[in-house]
Amino acid sequence: MAVASHLISRMPAVASIRASVLIPLVQQIDKRSGKTDLLLASHGILRSQLEDPYAVLPMARYVALFEEAATITGEPALGARMGTGFKPADIGPIGMVFALSPTIRSAFERLSKYVNAVQGATSSGVFEENGDFVWSYRIVDPSMWPRRQDSEFTIAASCQLVRSCFRRGWRPIEIQLEHHAPRDASVLERICGAPILFGQSGNRIVMNKAEADRVHRAEDKSLVEILERHIGDLVNEPAAGDIVTEKVQALISIYLGRKPVTVATLAAELKMSPRSLQRRLSEEGVSLRDLVRQHRQTLAAHYLGDRHAAPMSEIARVLGYADNTVLWRALRSWEKKGNYPSSTG
């Protein structure tokens, strides 16, 4: 299944997020604490900046603000709890397109396609694995860490969108989160309605394929087209020179450790021949081997630098290696070449 068109359009020079995304968070902080304005100011944000929902703010500030808000309010699962109250209108026209979609699959395909209308530095896509339908979400900048609240909010909010737009009693098969398990994960499992795997290479919702393809409504194509044109106005136009590299990077972040990452498979996703993909990457000064290595190095630095590091066998799996031995061989090779990245964990 081709998902290239459902990936990021373009990451801005400075990763940013629409002010509309912060509004529900600020409302929650207002309810639980009298320090909202001080908290915003400490992250370089003024409440007046949120008056225009289409205004753009640095995403790193949003991620850090969300983490501190959880601490100040004394609610470790703040993001997930906020997600349970999420409504389609909270993300404007993107939410409305989600709600108008005939199937759960098409809703998530559109969500992935347009996510960068509200936030940058984000990789999102859909794929099938072991007969299941999977939606994946991940902030691609490793320096934005920790980011538990954003991840849990996004996953919980997405589950809530399905329940409000398709079926109230809907449950996913499994939830995968990139951060380590909290002391008590039962709250998250209750909110998501599914078992949760932690320490994964990305954040994912695993769904029943037949249910994802079930038609729930006839689509109002004219209304959807109007909304999609509006969303298109919010997304930066892609630059011709680097869009292929960015889409390949997004596919690598989605598929690594889950399905083969080869020129042939990625070319099929991007609807181009393997030779054309290799030529485009070469013109942009990169190769698939380089991009996979860079992504693996970034993940390895993060996981190995974490004081709660996962077992080496698990890290090897996440990085797409057959076993620990192959991972160790890669680590030694990177160290010898002096291109092993510093930890951001």
C-alpha atoms as a PDB file:
ATOM      1  CA  MET A   1       0.000   0.000   0.000  1.00  0.00           C
ATOM      2  CA  ALA A   2       1.472   3.329  -1.056  1.00  0.00           C
ATOM      3  CA  VAL A   3       1.700   5.786   1.798  1.00  0.00           C
ATOM      4  CA  ALA A   4       4.162   8.307   0.412  1.00  0.00           C
ATOM      5  CA  SER A   5       1.415  10.842  -0.177  1.00  0.00           C
ATOM      6  CA  HIS A   6       0.368  10.485   3.442  1.00  0.00           C
ATOM      7  CA  LEU A   7       3.727  11.640   4.826  1.00  0.00           C
ATOM      8  CA  ILE A   8       5.066  15.028   5.800  1.00  0.00           C
ATOM      9  CA  SER A   9       4.972  17.752   3.192  1.00  0.00           C
ATOM     10  CA  ARG A  10       7.980  19.673   4.435  1.00  0.00           C
ATOM     11  CA  MET A  11       9.671  20.266   7.781  1.00  0.00           C
ATOM     12  CA  PRO A  12      10.158  24.009   8.353  1.00  0.00           C
ATOM     13  CA  ALA A  13      13.649  25.356   9.062  1.00  0.00           C
ATOM     14  CA  VAL A  14      12.567  25.765  12.685  1.00  0.00           C
ATOM     15  CA  ALA A  15      10.113  23.065  13.774  1.00  0.00           C
ATOM     16  CA  SER A  16       6.890  24.799  14.708  1.00  0.00           C
ATOM     17  CA  ILE A  17       3.365  24.125  15.873  1.00  0.00           C
ATOM     18  CA  ARG A  18       0.058  25.947  15.424  1.00  0.00           C
ATOM     19  CA  ALA A  19      -1.164  27.868  18.463  1.00  0.00           C
ATOM     20  CA  SER A  20      -4.461  25.975  18.244  1.00  0.00           C
ATOM     21  CA  VAL A  21      -2.689  22.843  19.509  1.00  0.00           C
ATOM     22  CA  LEU A  22      -1.659  24.625  22.726  1.00  0.00           C
ATOM     23  CA  ILE A  23      -5.092  25.987  23.597  1.00  0.00           C
ATOM     24  CA  PRO A  24      -6.489  22.774  25.202  1.00  0.00           C
ATOM     25  CA  LEU A  25      -3.263  22.406  27.213  1.00  0.00           C
ATOM     26  CA  VAL A  26      -3.460  25.967  28.521  1.00  0.00           C
ATOM     27  CA  GLN A  27      -7.101  25.427  29.467  1.00  0.00           C
ATOM     28  CA  GLN A  28      -6.145  22.348  31.494  1.00  0.00           C
ATOM     29  CA  ILE A  29      -3.341  24.195  33.280  1.00  0.00           C
ATOM     30  CA  ASP A  30      -5.776  27.016  34.067  1.00  0.00           C
ATOM     31  CA  LYS A  31      -8.121  24.505  35.729  1.00  0.00           C
ATOM     32  CA  ARG A  32      -5.414  22.861  37.820  1.00  0.00           C
ATOM     33  CA  SER A  33      -2.968  25.673  38.589  1.00  0.00           C
ATOM     34  CA  GLY A  34      -2.846  29.429  38.983  1.00  0.00           C
ATOM     35  CA  LYS A  35       0.596  29.579  37.396  1.00  0.00           C
ATOM     36  CA  THR A  36      -0.333  29.353  33.751  1.00  0.00           C
ATOM     37  CA  ASP A  37       1.014  32.728  32.660  1.00  0.00           C
ATOM     38  CA  LEU A  38       4.265  32.224  34.570  1.00  0.00           C
ATOM     39  CA  LEU A  39       4.675  28.779  33.046  1.00  0.00           C
ATOM     40  CA  LEU A  40       4.032  30.104  29.555  1.00  0.00           C
ATOM     41  CA  ALA A  41       6.461  32.976  30.062  1.00  0.00           C
ATOM     42  CA  SER A  42       9.178  30.622  31.305  1.00  0.00           C
ATOM     43  CA  HIS A  43       8.982  28.901  27.917  1.00  0.00           C
ATOM     44  CA  GLY A  44       8.947  32.153  25.959  1.00  0.00           C
ATOM     45  CA  ILE A  45       5.218  32.102  25.197  1.00  0.00           C
ATOM     46  CA  LEU A  46       2.660  34.831  25.884  1.00  0.00           C
ATOM     47  CA  ARG A  47      -1.041  34.049  26.310  1.00  0.00           C
ATOM     48  CA  SER A  48      -1.814  36.736  23.739  1.00  0.00           C
ATOM     49  CA  GLN A  49       0.015  34.644  21.127  1.00  0.00           C
ATOM     50  CA  LEU A  50      -2.712  32.002  21.448  1.00  0.00           C
ATOM     51  CA  GLU A  51      -5.482  34.386  20.398  1.00  0.00           C
ATOM     52  CA  ASP A  52      -4.777  33.548  16.761  1.00  0.00           C
ATOM     53  CA  PRO A  53      -5.188  29.742  16.410  1.00  0.00           C
ATOM     54  CA  TYR A  54      -3.198  29.809  13.162  1.00  0.00           C
ATOM     55  CA  ALA A  55      -0.199  31.559  14.732  1.00  0.00           C
ATOM     56  CA  VAL A  56       3.023  29.537  14.744  1.00  0.00           C
ATOM     57  CA  LEU A  57       5.145  28.804  17.832  1.00  0.00           C
ATOM     58  CA  PRO A  58       8.405  26.824  18.233  1.00  0.00           C
ATOM     59  CA  MET A  59       7.545  23.169  18.724  1.00  0.00           C
ATOM     60  CA  ALA A  60      10.381  22.563  21.189  1.00  0.00           C
ATOM     61  CA  ARG A  61       8.737  25.044  23.576  1.00  0.00           C
ATOM     62  CA  TYR A  62       5.418  23.221  23.296  1.00  0.00           C
ATOM     63  CA  VAL A  63       7.003  19.834  24.075  1.00  0.00           C
ATOM     64  CA  ALA A  64       8.899  21.218  27.082  1.00  0.00           C
ATOM     65  CA  LEU A  65       5.815  23.120  28.296  1.00  0.00           C
ATOM     66  CA  PHE A  66       3.718  19.945  28.163  1.00  0.00           C
ATOM     67  CA  GLU A  67       6.278  18.016  30.242  1.00  0.00           C
ATOM     68  CA  GLU A  68       6.519  20.744  32.885  1.00  0.00           C
ATOM     69  CA  ALA A  69       2.738  21.108  33.007  1.00  0.00           C
ATOM     70  CA  ALA A  70       2.447  17.431  33.968  1.00  0.00           C
ATOM     71  CA  THR A  71       4.882  18.024  36.820  1.00  0.00           C
ATOM     72  CA  ILE A  72       3.233  21.223  38.060  1.00  0.00           C
ATOM     73  CA  THR A  73      -0.261  19.725  38.009  1.00  0.00           C
ATOM     74  CA  GLY A  74       0.923  16.513  39.669  1.00  0.00           C
ATOM     75  CA  GLU A  75      -0.639  14.471  36.874  1.00  0.00           C
ATOM     76  CA  PRO A  76       1.869  12.089  35.217  1.00  0.00           C
ATOM     77  CA  ALA A  77      -0.745  11.010  32.663  1.00  0.00           C
ATOM     78  CA  LEU A  78      -1.847  14.575  31.862  1.00  0.00           C
ATOM     79  CA  GLY A  79      -1.406  14.161  28.117  1.00  0.00           C
ATOM     80  CA  ALA A  80      -3.377  10.919  27.933  1.00  0.00           C
ATOM     81  CA  ARG A  81      -6.183  12.285  30.111  1.00  0.00           C
ATOM     82  CA  MET A  82      -6.413  15.393  27.946  1.00  0.00           C
ATOM     83  CA  GLY A  83      -6.661  13.162  24.904  1.00  0.00           C
ATOM     84  CA  THR A  84      -9.925  11.651  26.159  1.00  0.00           C
ATOM     85  CA  GLY A  85     -11.665  14.997  25.711  1.00  0.00           C
ATOM     86  CA  PHE A  86     -10.338  15.623  22.216  1.00  0.00           C
ATOM     87  CA  LYS A  87     -12.834  16.660  19.519  1.00  0.00           C
ATOM     88  CA  PRO A  88     -12.470  16.912  15.726  1.00  0.00           C
ATOM     89  CA  ALA A  89     -12.864  20.693  15.912  1.00  0.00           C
ATOM     90  CA  ASP A  90      -9.769  20.902  18.140  1.00  0.00           C
ATOM     91  CA  ILE A  91      -7.570  20.518  15.053  1.00  0.00           C
ATOM     92  CA  GLY A  92      -9.781  22.570  12.779  1.00  0.00           C
ATOM     93  CA  PRO A  93     -10.292  21.451   9.185  1.00  0.00           C
ATOM     94  CA  ILE A  94      -8.053  18.389   9.648  1.00  0.00           C
ATOM     95  CA  GLY A  95     -10.374  17.102  12.352  1.00  0.00           C
ATOM     96  CA  MET A  96     -13.399  17.748  10.187  1.00  0.00           C
ATOM     97  CA  VAL A  97     -11.874  15.811   7.278  1.00  0.00           C
ATOM     98  CA  PHE A  98     -11.156  12.954   9.703  1.00  0.00           C
ATOM     99  CA  ALA A  99     -14.787  13.001  10.854  1.00  0.00           C
ATOM    100  CA  LEU A 100     -16.138  13.038   7.292  1.00  0.00           C
ATOM    101  CA  SER A 101     -13.994  10.102   6.125  1.00  0.00           C
ATOM    102  CA  PRO A 102     -15.921   6.955   5.181  1.00  0.00           C
ATOM    103  CA  THR A 103     -13.504   4.523   6.855  1.00  0.00           C
ATOM    104  CA  ILE A 104     -11.059   4.515   9.753  1.00  0.00           C
ATOM    105  CA  ARG A 105      -8.289   3.745   7.258  1.00  0.00           C
ATOM    106  CA  SER A 106      -9.021   6.789   5.098  1.00  0.00           C
ATOM    107  CA  ALA A 107      -9.301   8.970   8.209  1.00  0.00           C
ATOM    108  CA  PHE A 108      -5.804   8.029   9.388  1.00  0.00           C
ATOM    109  CA  GLU A 109      -4.381   8.317   5.880  1.00  0.00           C
ATOM    110  CA  ARG A 110      -5.636  11.900   5.768  1.00  0.00           C
ATOM    111  CA  LEU A 111      -4.459  12.649   9.290  1.00  0.00           C
ATOM    112  CA  SER A 112      -0.964  11.494   8.297  1.00  0.00           C
ATOM    113  CA  LYS A 113      -1.053  13.456   5.068  1.00  0.00           C
ATOM    114  CA  TYR A 114      -1.986  16.740   6.727  1.00  0.00           C
ATOM    115  CA  VAL A 115      -0.340  16.545  10.162  1.00  0.00           C
ATOM    116  CA  ASN A 116       2.245  19.137   9.137  1.00  0.00           C
ATOM    117  CA  ALA A 117      -0.479  21.714   8.693  1.00  0.00           C
ATOM    118  CA  VAL A 118      -0.464  21.998  12.497  1.00  0.00           C
ATOM    119  CA  GLN A 119       3.039  20.875  13.492  1.00  0.00           C
ATOM    120  CA  GLY A 120       6.452  20.332  11.948  1.00  0.00           C
ATOM    121  CA  ALA A 121       9.312  17.899  12.641  1.00  0.00           C
ATOM    122  CA  THR A 122       6.787  15.076  12.544  1.00  0.00           C
ATOM    123  CA  SER A 123       6.709  11.744  10.735  1.00  0.00           C
ATOM    124  CA  SER A 124       3.357  10.027  10.370  1.00  0.00           C
ATOM    125  CA  GLY A 125       2.117   7.244   8.133  1.00  0.00           C
ATOM    126  CA  VAL A 126       0.070   4.088   7.791  1.00  0.00           C
ATOM    127  CA  PHE A 127       1.041   0.534   6.899  1.00  0.00           C
ATOM    128  CA  GLU A 128      -0.085  -3.049   7.285  1.00  0.00           C
ATOM    129  CA  GLU A 129       1.727  -5.579   9.451  1.00  0.00           C
ATOM    130  CA  ASN A 130       0.797  -9.181  10.225  1.00  0.00           C
ATOM    131  CA  GLY A 131      -2.678  -8.590   8.841  1.00  0.00           C
ATOM    132  CA  ASP A 132      -3.289  -5.516  11.017  1.00  0.00           C
ATOM    133  CA  PHE A 133      -3.619  -1.843  10.070  1.00  0.00           C
ATOM    134  CA  VAL A 134      -1.119   0.448  11.819  1.00  0.00           C
ATOM    135  CA  TRP A 135      -0.926   4.230  12.213  1.00  0.00           C
ATOM    136  CA  SER A 136       2.462   5.612  13.249  1.00  0.00           C
ATOM    137  CA  TYR A 137       3.392   8.992  14.759  1.00  0.00           C
ATOM    138  CA  ARG A 138       6.769  10.315  15.876  1.00  0.00           C
ATOM    139  CA  ILE A 139       8.520  13.642  16.400  1.00  0.00           C
ATOM    140  CA  VAL A 140      11.681  13.244  14.338  1.00  0.00           C
ATOM    141  CA  ASP A 141      13.911  15.697  16.232  1.00  0.00           C
ATOM    142  CA  PRO A 142      15.756  13.656  18.922  1.00  0.00           C
ATOM    143  CA  SER A 143      16.608  16.816  20.876  1.00  0.00           C
ATOM    144  CA  MET A 144      12.925  17.215  21.794  1.00  0.00           C
ATOM    145  CA  TRP A 145      13.107  14.813  24.713  1.00  0.00           C
ATOM    146  CA  PRO A 146      11.488  13.876  27.020  1.00  0.00           C
ATOM    147  CA  ARG A 147       8.211  14.032  25.132  1.00  0.00           C
ATOM    148  CA  ARG A 148       6.021  11.501  26.899  1.00  0.00           C
ATOM    149  CA  GLN A 149       3.124  13.925  27.251  1.00  0.00           C
ATOM    150  CA  ASP A 150       2.939  14.775  23.550  1.00  0.00           C
ATOM    151  CA  SER A 151       3.149  11.098  22.562  1.00  0.00           C
ATOM    152  CA  GLU A 152       0.461   9.946  24.988  1.00  0.00           C
ATOM    153  CA  PHE A 153      -1.775  12.905  24.187  1.00  0.00           C
ATOM    154  CA  THR A 154      -1.535  12.257  20.450  1.00  0.00           C
ATOM    155  CA  ILE A 155      -2.272   8.538  20.759  1.00  0.00           C
ATOM    156  CA  ALA A 156      -5.131   9.004  23.253  1.00  0.00           C
ATOM    157  CA  ALA A 157      -6.606  11.869  21.212  1.00  0.00           C
ATOM    158  CA  SER A 158      -6.457   9.798  18.035  1.00  0.00           C
ATOM    159  CA  CYS A 159      -8.247   6.905  19.748  1.00  0.00           C
ATOM    160  CA  GLN A 160     -10.876   9.360  20.952  1.00  0.00           C
ATOM    161  CA  LEU A 161     -11.341  10.682  17.408  1.00  0.00           C
ATOM    162  CA  VAL A 162     -12.114   7.161  16.205  1.00  0.00           C
ATOM    163  CA  ARG A 163     -14.619   6.624  19.022  1.00  0.00           C
ATOM    164  CA  SER A 164     -16.387   9.917  18.429  1.00  0.00           C
ATOM    165  CA  CYS A 165     -16.398   9.717  14.628  1.00  0.00           C
ATOM    166  CA  PHE A 166     -16.841   5.993  13.949  1.00  0.00           C
ATOM    167  CA  ARG A 167     -17.794   3.739  16.861  1.00  0.00           C
ATOM    168  CA  ARG A 168     -18.142   4.622  20.542  1.00  0.00           C
ATOM    169  CA  GLY A 169     -16.956   1.225  21.811  1.00  0.00           C
ATOM    170  CA  TRP A 170     -13.981   0.966  19.439  1.00  0.00           C
ATOM    171  CA  ARG A 171     -10.752  -0.508  20.824  1.00  0.00           C
ATOM    172  CA  PRO A 172      -7.368  -0.876  19.163  1.00  0.00           C
ATOM    173  CA  ILE A 173      -5.518  -4.185  19.232  1.00  0.00           C
ATOM    174  CA  GLU A 174      -2.360  -2.694  20.737  1.00  0.00           C
ATOM    175  CA  ILE A 175      -0.665   0.623  21.505  1.00  0.00           C
ATOM    176  CA  GLN A 176       3.084   1.170  21.101  1.00  0.00           C
ATOM    177  CA  LEU A 177       4.927   4.080  22.743  1.00  0.00           C
ATOM    178  CA  GLU A 178       8.532   5.162  22.300  1.00  0.00           C
ATOM    179  CA  HIS A 179       9.233   6.085  25.930  1.00  0.00           C
ATOM    180  CA  HIS A 180       9.841   3.714  28.814  1.00  0.00           C
ATOM    181  CA  ALA A 181       6.985   2.424  30.921  1.00  0.00           C
ATOM    182  CA  PRO A 182       5.854   4.688  33.784  1.00  0.00           C
ATOM    183  CA  ARG A 183       5.579   3.320  37.293  1.00  0.00           C
ATOM    184  CA  ASP A 184       1.871   2.666  36.788  1.00  0.00           C
ATOM    185  CA  ALA A 185       0.763   2.004  33.216  1.00  0.00           C
ATOM    186  CA  SER A 186      -2.760   0.914  34.132  1.00  0.00           C
ATOM    187  CA  VAL A 187      -4.163   4.432  33.648  1.00  0.00           C
ATOM    188  CA  LEU A 188      -2.879   4.520  30.073  1.00  0.00           C
ATOM    189  CA  GLU A 189      -4.225   1.055  29.318  1.00  0.00           C
ATOM    190  CA  ARG A 190      -7.666   2.047  30.573  1.00  0.00           C
ATOM    191  CA  ILE A 191      -7.660   5.239  28.526  1.00  0.00           C
ATOM    192  CA  CYS A 192      -6.477   3.559  25.330  1.00  0.00           C
ATOM    193  CA  GLY A 193      -8.482   0.388  25.875  1.00  0.00           C
ATOM    194  CA  ALA A 194      -5.625  -1.863  24.805  1.00  0.00           C
ATOM    195  CA  PRO A 195      -2.354  -3.403  26.023  1.00  0.00           C
ATOM    196  CA  ILE A 196       0.654  -1.098  25.669  1.00  0.00           C
ATOM    197  CA  LEU A 197       4.220  -1.847  24.598  1.00  0.00           C
ATOM    198  CA  PHE A 198       6.827   0.695  25.730  1.00  0.00           C
ATOM    199  CA  GLY A 199      10.341   1.482  24.500  1.00  0.00           C
ATOM    200  CA  GLN A 200       9.370   1.145  20.835  1.00  0.00           C
ATOM    201  CA  SER A 201      10.901   2.962  17.856  1.00  0.00           C
ATOM    202  CA  GLY A 202       7.790   5.107  17.465  1.00  0.00           C
ATOM    203  CA  ASN A 203       4.247   5.664  18.687  1.00  0.00           C
ATOM    204  CA  ARG A 204       1.654   3.465  16.993  1.00  0.00           C
ATOM    205  CA  ILE A 205      -1.963   2.391  17.087  1.00  0.00           C
ATOM    206  CA  VAL A 206      -2.430  -1.191  15.874  1.00  0.00           C
ATOM    207  CA  MET A 207      -5.962  -1.789  14.567  1.00  0.00           C
ATOM    208  CA  ASN A 208      -8.057  -4.587  13.145  1.00  0.00           C
ATOM    209  CA  LYS A 209      -7.734  -4.331   9.354  1.00  0.00           C
ATOM    210  CA  ALA A 210     -11.301  -5.385   8.568  1.00  0.00           C
ATOM    211  CA  GLU A 211     -12.657  -2.841  11.017  1.00  0.00           C
ATOM    212  CA  ALA A 212     -10.404  -0.138   9.576  1.00  0.00           C
ATOM    213  CA  ASP A 213     -11.832  -0.828   6.113  1.00  0.00           C
ATOM    214  CA  ARG A 214     -15.495  -0.958   7.149  1.00  0.00           C
ATOM    215  CA  VAL A 215     -17.522   1.823   5.502  1.00  0.00           C
ATOM    216  CA  HIS A 216     -19.356   3.955   8.079  1.00  0.00           C
ATOM    217  CA  ARG A 217     -20.762   6.718   5.877  1.00  0.00           C
ATOM    218  CA  ALA A 218     -21.011   8.086   2.367  1.00  0.00           C
ATOM    219  CA  GLU A 219     -18.444  10.812   1.857  1.00  0.00           C
ATOM    220  CA  ASP A 220     -19.464  14.370   1.018  1.00  0.00           C
ATOM    221  CA  LYS A 221     -16.762  14.780  -1.626  1.00  0.00           C
ATOM    222  CA  SER A 222     -17.487  18.448  -2.335  1.00  0.00           C
ATOM    223  CA  LEU A 223     -17.167  19.427   1.325  1.00  0.00           C
ATOM    224  CA  VAL A 224     -14.011  17.344   1.756  1.00  0.00           C
ATOM    225  CA  GLU A 225     -12.442  19.022  -1.286  1.00  0.00           C
ATOM    226  CA  ILE A 226     -13.148  22.471   0.163  1.00  0.00           C
ATOM    227  CA  LEU A 227     -11.607  21.498   3.500  1.00  0.00           C
ATOM    228  CA  GLU A 228      -8.568  19.918   1.844  1.00  0.00           C
ATOM    229  CA  ARG A 229      -7.930  23.066  -0.179  1.00  0.00           C
ATOM    230  CA  HIS A 230      -8.008  25.060   3.052  1.00  0.00           C
ATOM    231  CA  ILE A 231      -5.612  22.619   4.727  1.00  0.00           C
ATOM    232  CA  GLY A 232      -3.325  22.830   1.697  1.00  0.00           C
ATOM    233  CA  ASP A 233      -3.052  26.577   2.231  1.00  0.00           C
ATOM    234  CA  LEU A 234      -1.707  25.897   5.733  1.00  0.00           C
ATOM    235  CA  VAL A 235       1.039  23.512   4.613  1.00  0.00           C
ATOM    236  CA  ASN A 236       4.306  24.912   3.295  1.00  0.00           C
ATOM    237  CA  GLU A 237       4.865  24.172  -0.362  1.00  0.00           C
ATOM    238  CA  PRO A 238       7.530  21.478  -0.707  1.00  0.00           C
ATOM    239  CA  ALA A 239      10.919  22.432  -2.075  1.00  0.00           C
ATOM    240  CA  ALA A 240      11.728  20.429  -5.189  1.00  0.00           C
ATOM    241  CA  GLY A 241      15.325  19.776  -4.137  1.00  0.00           C
ATOM    242  CA  ASP A 242      14.861  17.833  -0.928  1.00  0.00           C
ATOM    243  CA  ILE A 243      11.345  16.424  -0.805  1.00  0.00           C
ATOM    244  CA  VAL A 244      12.450  12.903  -1.806  1.00  0.00           C
ATOM    245  CA  THR A 245      15.047  12.759   0.958  1.00  0.00           C
ATOM    246  CA  GLU A 246      12.494  13.920   3.515  1.00  0.00           C
ATOM    247  CA  LYS A 247       9.920  11.353   2.408  1.00  0.00           C
ATOM    248  CA  VAL A 248      12.520   8.586   2.505  1.00  0.00           C
ATOM    249  CA  GLN A 249      13.560   9.675   6.010  1.00  0.00           C
ATOM    250  CA  ALA A 250       9.929   9.582   7.073  1.00  0.00           C
ATOM    251  CA  LEU A 251       9.457   6.087   5.646  1.00  0.00           C
ATOM    252  CA  ILE A 252      12.619   4.859   7.378  1.00  0.00           C
ATOM    253  CA  SER A 253      11.390   6.160  10.740  1.00  0.00           C
ATOM    254  CA  ILE A 254       8.054   4.403  10.223  1.00  0.00           C
ATOM    255  CA  TYR A 255       9.292   1.053   8.904  1.00  0.00           C
ATOM    256  CA  LEU A 256      12.724   0.417  10.449  1.00  0.00           C
ATOM    257  CA  GLY A 257      12.561  -2.664  12.635  1.00  0.00           C
ATOM    258  CA  ARG A 258       9.117  -3.567  11.299  1.00  0.00           C
ATOM    259  CA  LYS A 259       9.521  -4.309   7.577  1.00  0.00           C
ATOM    260  CA  PRO A 260      12.404  -4.370   5.048  1.00  0.00           C
ATOM    261  CA  VAL A 261      13.841  -0.950   4.229  1.00  0.00           C
ATOM    262  CA  THR A 262      15.180  -1.397   0.704  1.00  0.00           C
ATOM    263  CA  VAL A 263      15.329   0.741  -2.418  1.00  0.00           C
ATOM    264  CA  ALA A 264      12.707  -1.495  -4.029  1.00  0.00           C
ATOM    265  CA  THR A 265      10.199  -1.333  -1.162  1.00  0.00           C
ATOM    266  CA  LEU A 266      10.585   2.420  -0.625  1.00  0.00           C
ATOM    267  CA  ALA A 267      10.395   3.132  -4.356  1.00  0.00           C
ATOM    268  CA  ALA A 268       7.110   1.226  -4.481  1.00  0.00           C
ATOM    269  CA  GLU A 269       5.751   3.335  -1.603  1.00  0.00           C
ATOM    270  CA  LEU A 270       6.845   6.517  -3.380  1.00  0.00           C
ATOM    271  CA  LYS A 271       5.349   5.342  -6.689  1.00  0.00           C
ATOM    272  CA  MET A 272       8.623   5.574  -8.582  1.00  0.00           C
ATOM    273  CA  SER A 273      11.105   3.094 -10.012  1.00  0.00           C
ATOM    274  CA  PRO A 274      14.067   1.959  -7.870  1.00  0.00           C
ATOM    275  CA  ARG A 275      16.441   3.516 -10.398  1.00  0.00           C
ATOM    276  CA  SER A 276      14.616   6.864 -10.231  1.00  0.00           C
ATOM    277  CA  LEU A 277      14.718   6.831  -6.431  1.00  0.00           C
ATOM    278  CA  GLN A 278      18.452   6.120  -6.398  1.00  0.00           C
ATOM    279  CA  ARG A 279      19.052   8.882  -8.931  1.00  0.00           C
ATOM    280  CA  ARG A 280      17.009  11.438  -6.971  1.00  0.00           C
ATOM    281  CA  LEU A 281      18.800  10.603  -3.731  1.00  0.00           C
ATOM    282  CA  SER A 282      22.163  10.806  -5.489  1.00  0.00           C
ATOM    283  CA  GLU A 283      21.256  14.234  -6.882  1.00  0.00           C
ATOM    284  CA  GLU A 284      20.507  15.336  -3.317  1.00  0.00           C
ATOM    285  CA  GLY A 285      23.892  14.027  -2.128  1.00  0.00           C
ATOM    286  CA  VAL A 286      22.655  11.083  -0.072  1.00  0.00           C
ATOM    287  CA  SER A 287      22.030   7.359  -0.392  1.00  0.00           C
ATOM    288  CA  LEU A 288      19.516   5.047   1.247  1.00  0.00           C
ATOM    289  CA  ARG A 289      22.377   3.334   3.099  1.00  0.00           C
ATOM    290  CA  ASP A 290      23.467   6.711   4.538  1.00  0.00           C
ATOM    291  CA  LEU A 291      19.943   7.661   5.607  1.00  0.00           C
ATOM    292  CA  VAL A 292      19.317   4.299   7.294  1.00  0.00           C
ATOM    293  CA  ARG A 293      22.674   4.486   9.084  1.00  0.00           C
ATOM    294  CA  GLN A 294      21.987   8.032  10.293  1.00  0.00           C
ATOM    295  CA  HIS A 295      18.579   7.035  11.632  1.00  0.00           C
ATOM    296  CA  ARG A 296      20.031   3.983  13.370  1.00  0.00           C
ATOM    297  CA  GLN A 297      22.789   6.066  14.940  1.00  0.00           C
ATOM    298  CA  THR A 298      20.281   8.582  16.252  1.00  0.00           C
ATOM    299  CA  LEU A 299      18.109   5.851  17.755  1.00  0.00           C
ATOM    300  CA  ALA A 300      21.121   4.013  19.194  1.00  0.00           C
ATOM    301  CA  ALA A 301      22.460   7.162  20.852  1.00  0.00           C
ATOM    302  CA  HIS A 302      19.073   7.798  22.394  1.00  0.00           C
ATOM    303  CA  TYR A 303      18.410   4.288  23.680  1.00  0.00           C
ATOM    304  CA  LEU A 304      21.954   3.504  24.836  1.00  0.00           C
ATOM    305  CA  GLY A 305      22.282   6.896  26.521  1.00  0.00           C
ATOM    306  CA  ASP A 306      19.100   6.435  28.548  1.00  0.00           C
ATOM    307  CA  ARG A 307      19.759   5.537  32.168  1.00  0.00           C
ATOM    308  CA  HIS A 308      16.796   3.166  31.946  1.00  0.00           C
ATOM    309  CA  ALA A 309      18.163   1.568  28.790  1.00  0.00           C
ATOM    310  CA  ALA A 310      16.263  -1.349  27.310  1.00  0.00           C
ATOM    311  CA  PRO A 311      17.989  -4.742  26.870  1.00  0.00           C
ATOM    312  CA  MET A 312      20.411  -4.888  23.944  1.00  0.00           C
ATOM    313  CA  SER A 313      18.225  -7.474  22.218  1.00  0.00           C
ATOM    314  CA  GLU A 314      15.307  -5.030  22.259  1.00  0.00           C
ATOM    315  CA  ILE A 315      17.476  -2.151  20.987  1.00  0.00           C
ATOM    316  CA  ALA A 316      18.749  -4.395  18.182  1.00  0.00           C
ATOM    317  CA  ARG A 317      15.172  -5.196  17.177  1.00  0.00           C
ATOM    318  CA  VAL A 318      14.115  -1.540  17.180  1.00  0.00           C
ATOM    319  CA  LEU A 319      17.114  -0.656  14.981  1.00  0.00           C
ATOM    320  CA  GLY A 320      16.214  -3.398  12.522  1.00  0.00           C
ATOM    321  CA  TYR A 321      19.127  -5.724  13.314  1.00  0.00           C
ATOM    322  CA  ALA A 322      18.837  -9.504  13.482  1.00  0.00           C
ATOM    323  CA  ASP A 323      20.455  -9.813  16.915  1.00  0.00           C
ATOM    324  CA  ASN A 324      22.858  -8.305  19.476  1.00  0.00           C
ATOM    325  CA  THR A 325      25.935  -9.422  17.552  1.00  0.00           C
ATOM    326  CA  VAL A 326      24.979  -7.442  14.460  1.00  0.00           C
ATOM    327  CA  LEU A 327      24.229  -4.403  16.633  1.00  0.00           C
ATOM    328  CA  TRP A 328      27.598  -4.603  18.410  1.00  0.00           C
ATOM    329  CA  ARG A 329      29.358  -4.924  15.056  1.00  0.00           C
ATOM    330  CA  ALA A 330      27.607  -1.778  13.824  1.00  0.00           C
ATOM    331  CA  LEU A 331      28.460   0.146  17.008  1.00  0.00           C
ATOM    332  CA  ARG A 332      32.152  -0.740  16.693  1.00  0.00           C
ATOM    333  CA  SER A 333      32.146   0.265  13.031  1.00  0.00           C
ATOM    334  CA  TRP A 334      30.610   3.663  13.826  1.00  0.00           C
ATOM    335  CA  GLU A 335      33.107   4.278  16.618  1.00  0.00           C
ATOM    336  CA  LYS A 336      36.067   3.459  14.363  1.00  0.00           C
ATOM    337  CA  LYS A 337      34.815   5.886  11.733  1.00  0.00           C
ATOM    338  CA  GLY A 338      34.195   8.579  14.344  1.00  0.00           C
ATOM    339  CA  ASN A 339      30.601   9.188  13.300  1.00  0.00           C
ATOM    340  CA  TYR A 340      28.787   7.791  16.331  1.00  0.00           C
ATOM    341  CA  PRO A 341      26.371  10.534  17.520  1.00  0.00           C
ATOM    342  CA  SER A 342      26.252  11.894  21.039  1.00  0.00           C
ATOM    343  CA  SER A 343      23.356  10.884  23.265  1.00  0.00           C
ATOM    344  CA  THR A 344      20.236  12.988  23.545  1.00  0.00           C
ATOM    345  CA  GLY A 345      18.448  10.765  26.018  1.00  0.00           C
END
